[in-house]
Amino acid sequence: MAGIGFELRRMTLKREYSGILRAYASAAVISAGPWIISIISLMLLTYLLDGSLTTEQVRLFTSSTTHVYAIALILAGPIQLVLTRYTSDCFSAKRREAIFPSFIGAILLTSLIVTAVGGVFFIRFVPAPRLYQIAATALLVHVACIFIASTFLSALREYNRIVFAFFIGYGLAVAASYYLAKQYGVTGAMLGFLGGHFMLFATLAISVYREFGSGMGDRFEFIGAFRRFPELMLCGLFYNLAIWIDKFLFWWFSTSNIQIAGALYAAPDYDLAIYLSLLSIAPGMAVFFLQVETEFAERYQEFFDAVQNARPMREITAAKVAIVKSLRVGFERLLKVQGLTTTILVIFADQLAAWFHIGFVQTGIFRITLFGALLLVVFLSMLTVLFYFDDRRGALISSFVFLMANASLSVVTLFQDESWYGFGFVVATGLALFIAATRVNHRIDDLEYNTFCRNT
């Protein structure tokens, strides 16, 4: 976790309000940038395009981009987690020269897989102008590659450049899409959105190159990590599929769903409400990035160094106590910040509903799924701790439970009225969090045993 996390946390230690605010804002962008900013950009763009395109064209564009992000996350997720572990091992082995080649290899592998899937989906199953289909496929490839590049962001030190890249990239995407939509309709809107994502990916790729250099090595050496860590690959698949499975089910089976074009569906009553609730995770993600993951990483490294250097048992025990303290303080701050955010949004949900022009049903779903978003941030933090403890099985079980519970409980709520919508997501996240937290507690209790006696 060396890099941006530590650089930003140094800003908070100065106790200057401007530095603290800038650090947390930067952490929110870096930790959840592709997801959070994309939702905001898409909402803004939908509003702007309403005057340039027909209602059907706006729905085609928004549904296409939503499916792009869903497919990109699901396909890139397994590669992301394995690549993260491989990169971490390269850092530990002091093989920085192997990192940039692995980045290139991961981009090539991701592009190949995503192009095949996206090409079939958009060209075969989405009736639209051919140039639009090609642009949507290209957007899918670039979004997936941005997720892959995001794997390396926490190791970079030029946080100003990264934050600037996200805002410029998405700002350009919105502006170009709005301008080209006036000239070339919905195809122009998609081409403009693609252009902004190309600029963002290019900037991130340059930043990775500047940090690690060209490097020398096999670009596809990291693929061997898939054989060594299959649990990480499956965890990346299950977690990201779990995030989207309820949306897919509501798109396909809810009584209020709408067929946009071919395989593109939407569920207006559910979609906007849950996307707004997911925006609320930005404060929690910032705290997670700055406090939980970075602080815990320092304490964990100190413990690992004490074990490796055969220091006295009292020092090892003291290092373990420091780990527990860092987790306790970090999660307390996370719960306070995200809990306060959730409480405020629940109280002022009616005012927000009026601002976003959403109805009574959507407001109710928004209030419900806000609690799911709160649990999701804590669950993601627990998963990260499990990865540090190398409890791959625990992370896999938690992610699988999240997927199956969200799928099954969402199906149950689909057979109820709208007042039940969103409860499946909340309960599923709570179950997954309970399992992950239990595994973390057990791992801490047996930390010495797992460190000295096991190699799993």
Foldseek 3Di string as FASTA:
>chain_A
DPALLVLLLVQVVVVDPVSVVVSLVLLLCLLQVLQLLVLVLLLVLLVLCPVLAPPLLSLVLSLLVVVLLLVLQLLLQLVLLLLLVVVVVCVVVVNLLLNLLQLVLSLVVLLVVLLVVLLCCQVVFFDDPPLLSVLSSLLSSLSSNVSNLSSCNRNHHPSVLLSVLSCQLSVQLSVQLSVLCNVPNSSSNSNSNSRSSVSSSVSSSVRSCVVRNNGDDHSCPSVVSCVVQVLSSLLSNLQSCLVCLLQVCQQVQFPQKDASGGPRIGRVLQVVLLSVLLSLCSSLSSLLSNQLPPQLVVLLVQLLVCVVVVHDPVSNVVSLVSNVVSNVVSVVVSCVRLVVSLVVCLVCLVVVCVVSVHDPLSSLLNNLCNLLSSLQSLLVSLLSLCVSLVVSVLSSVLSNQSRVQLNVLSVVCSVPDSNSPNVSSNVSSVVSSVSSVVVSVVCSVCVVCCSPPHDD
